[in-house]
Amino acid sequence: MKRAEHQPEMADLTLYAGIFCKRWTVPDRGTLLPQHSHHHPHISYIVSGAVRVWCGEQELGDYAAPAAIKIEARELHQFLTLTDGVTILCIHNADHIEGEEPAVAEYAHLNLED
């Protein structure tokens, strides 16, 4: 798999009233976002655009903005952008923060061509 020409960017991170929220922007359709899992459940919220979502090996389906996707604890999850201009919020309970980010249980990796 080739690396996307325009990589996803973390646009901002907000911590307020016990809620952690990180915003990602993805310019191009067809971008695969390998994710990670957490020790706790959280919500991935599609603000703009559309994505296909997998948790582990199971395809959850296609989601178009606005859409809230419940991600269970320890579920490795990934997104494939179906449109240009996707924005995703990762929303967590701030009680699970270690340093500046929620604790990660497992990382996903892609094998990319040079």
PDB file of N, CA and C in Angstrom:
ATOM      1  N   MET A   1       0.855  -1.174   0.000  1.00  0.00           N
ATOM      2  CA  MET A   1       0.000   0.000   0.000  1.00  0.00           C
ATOM      3  C   MET A   1       0.899   1.234   0.000  1.00  0.00           C
ATOM      4  N   LYS A   2       0.519   2.229  -0.787  1.00  0.00           N
ATOM      5  CA  LYS A   2       1.303   3.464  -0.866  1.00  0.00           C
ATOM      6  C   LYS A   2       0.840   4.463   0.197  1.00  0.00           C
ATOM      7  N   ARG A   3       1.781   5.249   0.687  1.00  0.00           N
ATOM      8  CA  ARG A   3       1.477   6.305   1.647  1.00  0.00           C
ATOM      9  C   ARG A   3       0.648   7.388   0.960  1.00  0.00           C
ATOM     10  N   ALA A   4      -0.394   7.868   1.632  1.00  0.00           N
ATOM     11  CA  ALA A   4      -1.240   8.929   1.085  1.00  0.00           C
ATOM     12  C   ALA A   4      -0.403  10.176   0.836  1.00  0.00           C
ATOM     13  N   GLU A   5      -0.647  10.820  -0.300  1.00  0.00           N
ATOM     14  CA  GLU A   5       0.114  12.026  -0.643  1.00  0.00           C
ATOM     15  C   GLU A   5      -0.069  13.111   0.418  1.00  0.00           C
ATOM     16  N   HIS A   6      -1.316  13.339   0.834  1.00  0.00           N
ATOM     17  CA  HIS A   6      -1.610  14.340   1.864  1.00  0.00           C
ATOM     18  C   HIS A   6      -1.973  13.605   3.148  1.00  0.00           C
ATOM     19  N   GLN A   7      -1.097  13.628   4.099  1.00  0.00           N
ATOM     20  CA  GLN A   7      -1.297  12.899   5.344  1.00  0.00           C
ATOM     21  C   GLN A   7      -2.354  13.566   6.227  1.00  0.00           C
ATOM     22  N   PRO A   8      -3.079  12.759   7.025  1.00  0.00           N
ATOM     23  CA  PRO A   8      -4.021  13.328   8.001  1.00  0.00           C
ATOM     24  C   PRO A   8      -3.278  14.239   8.968  1.00  0.00           C
ATOM     25  N   GLU A   9      -3.966  15.248   9.448  1.00  0.00           N
ATOM     26  CA  GLU A   9      -3.347  16.184  10.387  1.00  0.00           C
ATOM     27  C   GLU A   9      -4.208  16.324  11.624  1.00  0.00           C
ATOM     28  N   MET A  10      -3.534  16.325  12.783  1.00  0.00           N
ATOM     29  CA  MET A  10      -4.253  16.638  14.003  1.00  0.00           C
ATOM     30  C   MET A  10      -4.436  18.147  14.015  1.00  0.00           C
ATOM     31  N   ALA A  11      -5.673  18.591  13.962  1.00  0.00           N
ATOM     32  CA  ALA A  11      -5.952  20.016  13.867  1.00  0.00           C
ATOM     33  C   ALA A  11      -5.899  20.689  15.233  1.00  0.00           C
ATOM     34  N   ASP A  12      -6.482  20.069  16.234  1.00  0.00           N
ATOM     35  CA  ASP A  12      -6.393  20.626  17.584  1.00  0.00           C
ATOM     36  C   ASP A  12      -6.807  19.593  18.612  1.00  0.00           C
ATOM     37  N   LEU A  13      -6.484  19.919  19.845  1.00  0.00           N
ATOM     38  CA  LEU A  13      -6.761  19.061  20.974  1.00  0.00           C
ATOM     39  C   LEU A  13      -7.360  19.939  22.062  1.00  0.00           C
ATOM     40  N   THR A  14      -8.480  19.504  22.646  1.00  0.00           N
ATOM     41  CA  THR A  14      -9.155  20.278  23.676  1.00  0.00           C
ATOM     42  C   THR A  14      -9.422  19.398  24.881  1.00  0.00           C
ATOM     43  N   LEU A  15      -9.177  19.926  26.038  1.00  0.00           N
ATOM     44  CA  LEU A  15      -9.505  19.254  27.292  1.00  0.00           C
ATOM     45  C   LEU A  15     -10.342  20.227  28.104  1.00  0.00           C
ATOM     46  N   TYR A  16     -11.609  19.839  28.358  1.00  0.00           N
ATOM     47  CA  TYR A  16     -12.513  20.750  29.064  1.00  0.00           C
ATOM     48  C   TYR A  16     -13.606  19.946  29.754  1.00  0.00           C
ATOM     49  N   ALA A  17     -13.932  20.314  30.970  1.00  0.00           N
ATOM     50  CA  ALA A  17     -15.046  19.741  31.733  1.00  0.00           C
ATOM     51  C   ALA A  17     -15.005  18.212  31.777  1.00  0.00           C
ATOM     52  N   GLY A  18     -13.812  17.659  31.899  1.00  0.00           N
ATOM     53  CA  GLY A  18     -13.680  16.213  32.002  1.00  0.00           C
ATOM     54  C   GLY A  18     -13.771  15.476  30.679  1.00  0.00           C
ATOM     55  N   ILE A  19     -13.700  16.207  29.555  1.00  0.00           N
ATOM     56  CA  ILE A  19     -13.782  15.596  28.233  1.00  0.00           C
ATOM     57  C   ILE A  19     -12.522  15.930  27.439  1.00  0.00           C
ATOM     58  N   PHE A  20     -11.942  14.905  26.827  1.00  0.00           N
ATOM     59  CA  PHE A  20     -10.795  15.040  25.940  1.00  0.00           C
ATOM     60  C   PHE A  20     -11.315  14.932  24.511  1.00  0.00           C
ATOM     61  N   CYS A  21     -10.934  15.867  23.644  1.00  0.00           N
ATOM     62  CA  CYS A  21     -11.392  15.846  22.255  1.00  0.00           C
ATOM     63  C   CYS A  21     -10.221  16.204  21.332  1.00  0.00           C
ATOM     64  N   LYS A  22      -9.915  15.298  20.411  1.00  0.00           N
ATOM     65  CA  LYS A  22      -8.868  15.535  19.416  1.00  0.00           C
ATOM     66  C   LYS A  22      -9.532  15.561  18.046  1.00  0.00           C
ATOM     67  N   ARG A  23      -9.194  16.566  17.234  1.00  0.00           N
ATOM     68  CA  ARG A  23      -9.773  16.710  15.893  1.00  0.00           C
ATOM     69  C   ARG A  23      -8.726  16.390  14.838  1.00  0.00           C
ATOM     70  N   TRP A  24      -9.096  15.491  13.919  1.00  0.00           N
ATOM     71  CA  TRP A  24      -8.250  15.118  12.795  1.00  0.00           C
ATOM     72  C   TRP A  24      -8.895  15.585  11.502  1.00  0.00           C
ATOM     73  N   THR A  25      -8.087  16.071  10.571  1.00  0.00           N
ATOM     74  CA  THR A  25      -8.580  16.405   9.237  1.00  0.00           C
ATOM     75  C   THR A  25      -7.837  15.534   8.225  1.00  0.00           C
ATOM     76  N   VAL A  26      -8.589  15.044   7.227  1.00  0.00           N
ATOM     77  CA  VAL A  26      -8.022  14.168   6.206  1.00  0.00           C
ATOM     78  C   VAL A  26      -8.424  14.734   4.846  1.00  0.00           C
ATOM     79  N   PRO A  27      -7.480  15.265   4.076  1.00  0.00           N
ATOM     80  CA  PRO A  27      -7.815  15.957   2.833  1.00  0.00           C
ATOM     81  C   PRO A  27      -8.398  15.062   1.731  1.00  0.00           C
ATOM     82  N   ASP A  28      -7.870  13.827   1.586  1.00  0.00           N
ATOM     83  CA  ASP A  28      -8.168  13.031   0.392  1.00  0.00           C
ATOM     84  C   ASP A  28      -9.001  11.785   0.666  1.00  0.00           C
ATOM     85  N   ARG A  29      -9.926  11.497  -0.252  1.00  0.00           N
ATOM     86  CA  ARG A  29     -10.649  10.220  -0.206  1.00  0.00           C
ATOM     87  C   ARG A  29      -9.660   9.092  -0.460  1.00  0.00           C
ATOM     88  N   GLY A  30      -9.984   7.909   0.050  1.00  0.00           N
ATOM     89  CA  GLY A  30      -9.121   6.750  -0.159  1.00  0.00           C
ATOM     90  C   GLY A  30      -7.963   6.661   0.813  1.00  0.00           C
ATOM     91  N   THR A  31      -7.948   7.500   1.847  1.00  0.00           N
ATOM     92  CA  THR A  31      -6.889   7.466   2.848  1.00  0.00           C
ATOM     93  C   THR A  31      -7.290   6.488   3.948  1.00  0.00           C
ATOM     94  N   LEU A  32      -6.404   5.530   4.244  1.00  0.00           N
ATOM     95  CA  LEU A  32      -6.650   4.559   5.313  1.00  0.00           C
ATOM     96  C   LEU A  32      -5.969   5.052   6.579  1.00  0.00           C
ATOM     97  N   LEU A  33      -6.742   5.164   7.636  1.00  0.00           N
ATOM     98  CA  LEU A  33      -6.218   5.622   8.923  1.00  0.00           C
ATOM     99  C   LEU A  33      -6.125   4.443   9.876  1.00  0.00           C
ATOM    100  N   PRO A  34      -4.926   3.886  10.059  1.00  0.00           N
ATOM    101  CA  PRO A  34      -4.791   2.830  11.053  1.00  0.00           C
ATOM    102  C   PRO A  34      -4.929   3.477  12.422  1.00  0.00           C
ATOM    103  N   GLN A  35      -5.613   2.841  13.295  1.00  0.00           N
ATOM    104  CA  GLN A  35      -5.843   3.438  14.606  1.00  0.00           C
ATOM    105  C   GLN A  35      -5.203   2.598  15.682  1.00  0.00           C
ATOM    106  N   HIS A  36      -5.667   2.782  16.868  1.00  0.00           N
ATOM    107  CA  HIS A  36      -5.161   2.080  18.022  1.00  0.00           C
ATOM    108  C   HIS A  36      -6.351   1.731  18.902  1.00  0.00           C
ATOM    109  N   SER A  37      -6.090   1.033  19.945  1.00  0.00           N
ATOM    110  CA  SER A  37      -7.168   0.744  20.884  1.00  0.00           C
ATOM    111  C   SER A  37      -6.819   1.370  22.228  1.00  0.00           C
ATOM    112  N   HIS A  38      -7.836   1.569  23.022  1.00  0.00           N
ATOM    113  CA  HIS A  38      -7.668   2.123  24.363  1.00  0.00           C
ATOM    114  C   HIS A  38      -8.208   1.130  25.383  1.00  0.00           C
ATOM    115  N   HIS A  39      -7.834   1.314  26.607  1.00  0.00           N
ATOM    116  CA  HIS A  39      -8.314   0.455  27.690  1.00  0.00           C
ATOM    117  C   HIS A  39      -9.763   0.765  28.050  1.00  0.00           C
ATOM    118  N   HIS A  40     -10.325   1.807  27.460  1.00  0.00           N
ATOM    119  CA  HIS A  40     -11.678   2.272  27.785  1.00  0.00           C
ATOM    120  C   HIS A  40     -12.443   2.591  26.492  1.00  0.00           C
ATOM    121  N   PRO A  41     -13.771   2.602  26.523  1.00  0.00           N
ATOM    122  CA  PRO A  41     -14.549   2.952  25.336  1.00  0.00           C
ATOM    123  C   PRO A  41     -14.463   4.453  25.045  1.00  0.00           C
ATOM    124  N   HIS A  42     -14.729   4.814  23.800  1.00  0.00           N
ATOM    125  CA  HIS A  42     -14.775   6.224  23.417  1.00  0.00           C
ATOM    126  C   HIS A  42     -15.667   6.393  22.194  1.00  0.00           C
ATOM    127  N   ILE A  43     -15.814   7.617  21.744  1.00  0.00           N
ATOM    128  CA  ILE A  43     -16.628   7.925  20.572  1.00  0.00           C
ATOM    129  C   ILE A  43     -15.745   8.551  19.501  1.00  0.00           C
ATOM    130  N   SER A  44     -15.897   8.078  18.273  1.00  0.00           N
ATOM    131  CA  SER A  44     -15.321   8.744  17.107  1.00  0.00           C
ATOM    132  C   SER A  44     -16.491   9.424  16.404  1.00  0.00           C
ATOM    133  N   TYR A  45     -16.392  10.727  16.229  1.00  0.00           N
ATOM    134  CA  TYR A  45     -17.500  11.501  15.672  1.00  0.00           C
ATOM    135  C   TYR A  45     -17.088  12.046  14.316  1.00  0.00           C
ATOM    136  N   ILE A  46     -17.850  11.685  13.283  1.00  0.00           N
ATOM    137  CA  ILE A  46     -17.573  12.167  11.932  1.00  0.00           C
ATOM    138  C   ILE A  46     -18.259  13.523  11.774  1.00  0.00           C
ATOM    139  N   VAL A  47     -17.454  14.579  11.660  1.00  0.00           N
ATOM    140  CA  VAL A  47     -17.956  15.947  11.565  1.00  0.00           C
ATOM    141  C   VAL A  47     -18.263  16.324  10.124  1.00  0.00           C
ATOM    142  N   SER A  48     -17.388  15.898   9.201  1.00  0.00           N
ATOM    143  CA  SER A  48     -17.606  16.178   7.783  1.00  0.00           C
ATOM    144  C   SER A  48     -17.096  15.008   6.960  1.00  0.00           C
ATOM    145  N   GLY A  49     -17.718  14.805   5.795  1.00  0.00           N
ATOM    146  CA  GLY A  49     -17.303  13.730   4.908  1.00  0.00           C
ATOM    147  C   GLY A  49     -17.928  12.394   5.268  1.00  0.00           C
ATOM    148  N   ALA A  50     -17.322  11.333   4.748  1.00  0.00           N
ATOM    149  CA  ALA A  50     -17.818   9.977   4.982  1.00  0.00           C
ATOM    150  C   ALA A  50     -16.641   9.013   5.104  1.00  0.00           C
ATOM    151  N   VAL A  51     -16.825   7.969   5.913  1.00  0.00           N
ATOM    152  CA  VAL A  51     -15.781   6.973   6.165  1.00  0.00           C
ATOM    153  C   VAL A  51     -16.379   5.571   6.200  1.00  0.00           C
ATOM    154  N   ARG A  52     -15.528   4.588   5.967  1.00  0.00           N
ATOM    155  CA  ARG A  52     -15.850   3.182   6.228  1.00  0.00           C
ATOM    156  C   ARG A  52     -15.047   2.813   7.475  1.00  0.00           C
ATOM    157  N   VAL A  53     -15.668   2.075   8.393  1.00  0.00           N
ATOM    158  CA  VAL A  53     -15.050   1.803   9.690  1.00  0.00           C
ATOM    159  C   VAL A  53     -14.954   0.298   9.931  1.00  0.00           C
ATOM    160  N   TRP A  54     -13.804  -0.112  10.486  1.00  0.00           N
ATOM    161  CA  TRP A  54     -13.602  -1.479  10.949  1.00  0.00           C
ATOM    162  C   TRP A  54     -13.200  -1.452  12.411  1.00  0.00           C
ATOM    163  N   CYS A  55     -13.686  -2.418  13.167  1.00  0.00           N
ATOM    164  CA  CYS A  55     -13.203  -2.696  14.520  1.00  0.00           C
ATOM    165  C   CYS A  55     -12.677  -4.122  14.486  1.00  0.00           C
ATOM    166  N   GLY A  56     -11.377  -4.259  14.701  1.00  0.00           N
ATOM    167  CA  GLY A  56     -10.757  -5.554  14.514  1.00  0.00           C
ATOM    168  C   GLY A  56     -10.919  -5.942  13.047  1.00  0.00           C
ATOM    169  N   GLU A  57     -11.361  -7.154  12.785  1.00  0.00           N
ATOM    170  CA  GLU A  57     -11.572  -7.629  11.417  1.00  0.00           C
ATOM    171  C   GLU A  57     -12.990  -7.366  10.924  1.00  0.00           C
ATOM    172  N   GLN A  58     -13.866  -6.874  11.792  1.00  0.00           N
ATOM    173  CA  GLN A  58     -15.271  -6.691  11.441  1.00  0.00           C
ATOM    174  C   GLN A  58     -15.520  -5.298  10.856  1.00  0.00           C
ATOM    175  N   GLU A  59     -16.117  -5.270   9.661  1.00  0.00           N
ATOM    176  CA  GLU A  59     -16.508  -3.997   9.063  1.00  0.00           C
ATOM    177  C   GLU A  59     -17.793  -3.526   9.729  1.00  0.00           C
ATOM    178  N   LEU A  60     -17.754  -2.323  10.309  1.00  0.00           N
ATOM    179  CA  LEU A  60     -18.950  -1.765  10.946  1.00  0.00           C
ATOM    180  C   LEU A  60     -19.872  -1.114   9.932  1.00  0.00           C
ATOM    181  N   GLY A  61     -19.318  -0.637   8.830  1.00  0.00           N
ATOM    182  CA  GLY A  61     -20.134  -0.009   7.801  1.00  0.00           C
ATOM    183  C   GLY A  61     -19.618   1.361   7.413  1.00  0.00           C
ATOM    184  N   ASP A  62     -20.447   2.047   6.622  1.00  0.00           N
ATOM    185  CA  ASP A  62     -20.126   3.387   6.145  1.00  0.00           C
ATOM    186  C   ASP A  62     -20.901   4.407   6.963  1.00  0.00           C
ATOM    187  N   TYR A  63     -20.235   5.503   7.291  1.00  0.00           N
ATOM    188  CA  TYR A  63     -20.839   6.563   8.099  1.00  0.00           C
ATOM    189  C   TYR A  63     -20.587   7.897   7.426  1.00  0.00           C
ATOM    190  N   ALA A  64     -21.644   8.686   7.276  1.00  0.00           N
ATOM    191  CA  ALA A  64     -21.534  10.033   6.708  1.00  0.00           C
ATOM    192  C   ALA A  64     -21.873  11.040   7.797  1.00  0.00           C
ATOM    193  N   ALA A  65     -21.191  12.162   7.777  1.00  0.00           N
ATOM    194  CA  ALA A  65     -21.404  13.206   8.777  1.00  0.00           C
ATOM    195  C   ALA A  65     -22.828  13.724   8.735  1.00  0.00           C
ATOM    196  N   PRO A  66     -23.352  14.050   9.877  1.00  0.00           N
ATOM    197  CA  PRO A  66     -22.808  13.853  11.216  1.00  0.00           C
ATOM    198  C   PRO A  66     -23.097  12.437  11.712  1.00  0.00           C
ATOM    199  N   ALA A  67     -22.098  11.810  12.347  1.00  0.00           N
ATOM    200  CA  ALA A  67     -22.289  10.448  12.841  1.00  0.00           C
ATOM    201  C   ALA A  67     -21.385  10.189  14.035  1.00  0.00           C
ATOM    202  N   ALA A  68     -21.952   9.599  15.085  1.00  0.00           N
ATOM    203  CA  ALA A  68     -21.196   9.189  16.265  1.00  0.00           C
ATOM    204  C   ALA A  68     -21.011   7.681  16.204  1.00  0.00           C
ATOM    205  N   ILE A  69     -19.760   7.227  16.336  1.00  0.00           N
ATOM    206  CA  ILE A  69     -19.437   5.803  16.271  1.00  0.00           C
ATOM    207  C   ILE A  69     -18.894   5.382  17.629  1.00  0.00           C
ATOM    208  N   LYS A  70     -19.552   4.422  18.250  1.00  0.00           N
ATOM    209  CA  LYS A  70     -19.113   3.926  19.556  1.00  0.00           C
ATOM    210  C   LYS A  70     -18.009   2.902  19.349  1.00  0.00           C
ATOM    211  N   ILE A  71     -16.863   3.147  19.988  1.00  0.00           N
ATOM    212  CA  ILE A  71     -15.719   2.244  19.916  1.00  0.00           C
ATOM    213  C   ILE A  71     -15.549   1.625  21.299  1.00  0.00           C
ATOM    214  N   GLU A  72     -15.676   0.307  21.367  1.00  0.00           N
ATOM    215  CA  GLU A  72     -15.552  -0.391  22.646  1.00  0.00           C
ATOM    216  C   GLU A  72     -14.100  -0.388  23.134  1.00  0.00           C
ATOM    217  N   ALA A  73     -13.919  -0.622  24.409  1.00  0.00           N
ATOM    218  CA  ALA A  73     -12.584  -0.729  24.991  1.00  0.00           C
ATOM    219  C   ALA A  73     -11.811  -1.851  24.301  1.00  0.00           C
ATOM    220  N   ARG A  74     -10.524  -1.615  24.076  1.00  0.00           N
ATOM    221  CA  ARG A  74      -9.598  -2.586  23.482  1.00  0.00           C
ATOM    222  C   ARG A  74      -9.967  -3.015  22.062  1.00  0.00           C
ATOM    223  N   GLU A  75     -10.788  -2.222  21.364  1.00  0.00           N
ATOM    224  CA  GLU A  75     -11.131  -2.504  19.963  1.00  0.00           C
ATOM    225  C   GLU A  75     -10.192  -1.736  19.043  1.00  0.00           C
ATOM    226  N   LEU A  76      -9.340  -2.456  18.344  1.00  0.00           N
ATOM    227  CA  LEU A  76      -8.476  -1.851  17.346  1.00  0.00           C
ATOM    228  C   LEU A  76      -9.371  -1.398  16.197  1.00  0.00           C
ATOM    229  N   HIS A  77      -9.309  -0.143  15.821  1.00  0.00           N
ATOM    230  CA  HIS A  77     -10.228   0.393  14.828  1.00  0.00           C
ATOM    231  C   HIS A  77      -9.482   1.192  13.766  1.00  0.00           C
ATOM    232  N   GLN A  78     -10.079   1.220  12.562  1.00  0.00           N
ATOM    233  CA  GLN A  78      -9.485   1.986  11.469  1.00  0.00           C
ATOM    234  C   GLN A  78     -10.581   2.556  10.587  1.00  0.00           C
ATOM    235  N   PHE A  79     -10.205   3.601   9.860  1.00  0.00           N
ATOM    236  CA  PHE A  79     -11.133   4.322   8.993  1.00  0.00           C
ATOM    237  C   PHE A  79     -10.554   4.402   7.592  1.00  0.00           C
ATOM    238  N   LEU A  80     -11.417   4.293   6.589  1.00  0.00           N
ATOM    239  CA  LEU A  80     -11.070   4.565   5.204  1.00  0.00           C
ATOM    240  C   LEU A  80     -11.936   5.733   4.768  1.00  0.00           C
ATOM    241  N   THR A  81     -11.312   6.824   4.319  1.00  0.00           N
ATOM    242  CA  THR A  81     -12.099   7.984   3.913  1.00  0.00           C
ATOM    243  C   THR A  81     -12.747   7.711   2.557  1.00  0.00           C
ATOM    244  N   LEU A  82     -14.047   7.979   2.468  1.00  0.00           N
ATOM    245  CA  LEU A  82     -14.816   7.756   1.242  1.00  0.00           C
ATOM    246  C   LEU A  82     -15.024   9.045   0.460  1.00  0.00           C
ATOM    247  N   THR A  83     -14.711  10.181   1.090  1.00  0.00           N
ATOM    248  CA  THR A  83     -14.837  11.490   0.453  1.00  0.00           C
ATOM    249  C   THR A  83     -13.595  12.312   0.758  1.00  0.00           C
ATOM    250  N   ASP A  84     -13.401  13.373   0.013  1.00  0.00           N
ATOM    251  CA  ASP A  84     -12.377  14.362   0.356  1.00  0.00           C
ATOM    252  C   ASP A  84     -12.888  15.160   1.556  1.00  0.00           C
ATOM    253  N   GLY A  85     -11.980  15.754   2.309  1.00  0.00           N
ATOM    254  CA  GLY A  85     -12.344  16.677   3.373  1.00  0.00           C
ATOM    255  C   GLY A  85     -13.049  16.048   4.558  1.00  0.00           C
ATOM    256  N   VAL A  86     -12.502  14.948   5.075  1.00  0.00           N
ATOM    257  CA  VAL A  86     -13.084  14.291   6.246  1.00  0.00           C
ATOM    258  C   VAL A  86     -12.520  14.930   7.518  1.00  0.00           C
ATOM    259  N   THR A  87     -13.397  15.155   8.485  1.00  0.00           N
ATOM    260  CA  THR A  87     -12.986  15.600   9.818  1.00  0.00           C
ATOM    261  C   THR A  87     -13.557  14.624  10.836  1.00  0.00           C
ATOM    262  N   ILE A  88     -12.688  14.137  11.725  1.00  0.00           N
ATOM    263  CA  ILE A  88     -13.074  13.167  12.751  1.00  0.00           C
ATOM    264  C   ILE A  88     -12.677  13.708  14.113  1.00  0.00           C
ATOM    265  N   LEU A  89     -13.587  13.607  15.073  1.00  0.00           N
ATOM    266  CA  LEU A  89     -13.275  13.915  16.465  1.00  0.00           C
ATOM    267  C   LEU A  89     -13.117  12.607  17.232  1.00  0.00           C
ATOM    268  N   CYS A  90     -12.077  12.512  18.038  1.00  0.00           N
ATOM    269  CA  CYS A  90     -11.922  11.395  18.969  1.00  0.00           C
ATOM    270  C   CYS A  90     -12.248  11.954  20.349  1.00  0.00           C
ATOM    271  N   ILE A  91     -13.310  11.413  20.958  1.00  0.00           N
ATOM    272  CA  ILE A  91     -13.827  11.966  22.211  1.00  0.00           C
ATOM    273  C   ILE A  91     -13.698  10.927  23.319  1.00  0.00           C
ATOM    274  N   HIS A  92     -13.014  11.324  24.393  1.00  0.00           N
ATOM    275  CA  HIS A  92     -12.726  10.419  25.508  1.00  0.00           C
ATOM    276  C   HIS A  92     -13.087  11.075  26.833  1.00  0.00           C
ATOM    277  N   ASN A  93     -13.309  10.248  27.835  1.00  0.00           N
ATOM    278  CA  ASN A  93     -13.403  10.710  29.211  1.00  0.00           C
ATOM    279  C   ASN A  93     -11.981  11.085  29.651  1.00  0.00           C
ATOM    280  N   ALA A  94     -11.789  12.282  30.154  1.00  0.00           N
ATOM    281  CA  ALA A  94     -10.458  12.763  30.507  1.00  0.00           C
ATOM    282  C   ALA A  94      -9.853  12.020  31.696  1.00  0.00           C
ATOM    283  N   ASP A  95     -10.619  11.212  32.393  1.00  0.00           N
ATOM    284  CA  ASP A  95     -10.076  10.433  33.513  1.00  0.00           C
ATOM    285  C   ASP A  95      -9.033   9.425  33.045  1.00  0.00           C
ATOM    286  N   HIS A  96      -9.002   9.116  31.749  1.00  0.00           N
ATOM    287  CA  HIS A  96      -8.106   8.088  31.226  1.00  0.00           C
ATOM    288  C   HIS A  96      -6.848   8.659  30.577  1.00  0.00           C
ATOM    289  N   ILE A  97      -6.568   9.915  30.822  1.00  0.00           N
ATOM    290  CA  ILE A  97      -5.413  10.553  30.196  1.00  0.00           C
ATOM    291  C   ILE A  97      -4.137  10.207  30.960  1.00  0.00           C
ATOM    292  N   GLU A  98      -3.105   9.863  30.192  1.00  0.00           N
ATOM    293  CA  GLU A  98      -1.761   9.640  30.725  1.00  0.00           C
ATOM    294  C   GLU A  98      -0.854  10.612  30.000  1.00  0.00           C
ATOM    295  N   GLY A  99      -0.346  11.603  30.676  1.00  0.00           N
ATOM    296  CA  GLY A  99       0.415  12.663  30.015  1.00  0.00           C
ATOM    297  C   GLY A  99      -0.567  13.595  29.332  1.00  0.00           C
ATOM    298  N   GLU A 100      -0.487  13.693  27.993  1.00  0.00           N
ATOM    299  CA  GLU A 100      -1.378  14.573  27.237  1.00  0.00           C
ATOM    300  C   GLU A 100      -2.442  13.820  26.446  1.00  0.00           C
ATOM    301  N   GLU A 101      -2.403  12.486  26.438  1.00  0.00           N
ATOM    302  CA  GLU A 101      -3.289  11.677  25.600  1.00  0.00           C
ATOM    303  C   GLU A 101      -3.934  10.559  26.425  1.00  0.00           C
ATOM    304  N   PRO A 102      -5.075  10.030  25.963  1.00  0.00           N
ATOM    305  CA  PRO A 102      -5.647   8.842  26.597  1.00  0.00           C
ATOM    306  C   PRO A 102      -4.697   7.650  26.455  1.00  0.00           C
ATOM    307  N   ALA A 103      -4.671   6.787  27.441  1.00  0.00           N
ATOM    308  CA  ALA A 103      -3.776   5.622  27.429  1.00  0.00           C
ATOM    309  C   ALA A 103      -4.089   4.719  26.243  1.00  0.00           C
ATOM    310  N   VAL A 104      -3.043   4.259  25.557  1.00  0.00           N
ATOM    311  CA  VAL A 104      -3.198   3.385  24.394  1.00  0.00           C
ATOM    312  C   VAL A 104      -2.940   1.944  24.823  1.00  0.00           C
ATOM    313  N   ALA A 105      -3.817   1.031  24.402  1.00  0.00           N
ATOM    314  CA  ALA A 105      -3.658  -0.387  24.712  1.00  0.00           C
ATOM    315  C   ALA A 105      -2.871  -1.105  23.615  1.00  0.00           C
ATOM    316  N   GLU A 106      -3.112  -0.734  22.342  1.00  0.00           N
ATOM    317  CA  GLU A 106      -2.472  -1.403  21.214  1.00  0.00           C
ATOM    318  C   GLU A 106      -2.458  -0.458  20.021  1.00  0.00           C
ATOM    319  N   TYR A 107      -1.369  -0.517  19.235  1.00  0.00           N
ATOM    320  CA  TYR A 107      -1.265   0.289  18.014  1.00  0.00           C
ATOM    321  C   TYR A 107      -1.471  -0.577  16.782  1.00  0.00           C
ATOM    322  N   ALA A 108      -2.058  -0.001  15.732  1.00  0.00           N
ATOM    323  CA  ALA A 108      -2.176  -0.662  14.439  1.00  0.00           C
ATOM    324  C   ALA A 108      -1.045  -0.153  13.552  1.00  0.00           C
ATOM    325  N   HIS A 109      -0.580  -0.997  12.662  1.00  0.00           N
ATOM    326  CA  HIS A 109       0.500  -0.608  11.766  1.00  0.00           C
ATOM    327  C   HIS A 109       0.146  -0.992  10.339  1.00  0.00           C
ATOM    328  N   LEU A 110       0.563  -0.173   9.398  1.00  0.00           N
ATOM    329  CA  LEU A 110       0.406  -0.465   7.976  1.00  0.00           C
ATOM    330  C   LEU A 110       1.776  -0.728   7.388  1.00  0.00           C
ATOM    331  N   ASN A 111       1.855  -1.680   6.466  1.00  0.00           N
ATOM    332  CA  ASN A 111       3.078  -1.893   5.713  1.00  0.00           C
ATOM    333  C   ASN A 111       2.972  -1.069   4.447  1.00  0.00           C
ATOM    334  N   LEU A 112       3.784  -0.006   4.368  1.00  0.00           N
ATOM    335  CA  LEU A 112       3.707   0.937   3.255  1.00  0.00           C
ATOM    336  C   LEU A 112       4.921   0.811   2.349  1.00  0.00           C
ATOM    337  N   GLU A 113       4.693   1.020   1.056  1.00  0.00           N
ATOM    338  CA  GLU A 113       5.792   1.025   0.090  1.00  0.00           C
ATOM    339  C   GLU A 113       6.556   2.331   0.222  1.00  0.00           C
ATOM    340  N   ASP A 114       7.834   2.306  -0.151  1.00  0.00           N
ATOM    341  CA  ASP A 114       8.637   3.542  -0.147  1.00  0.00           C
ATOM    342  C   ASP A 114       8.229   4.462  -1.255  1.00  0.00           C
TER     343      ASP A 114
END
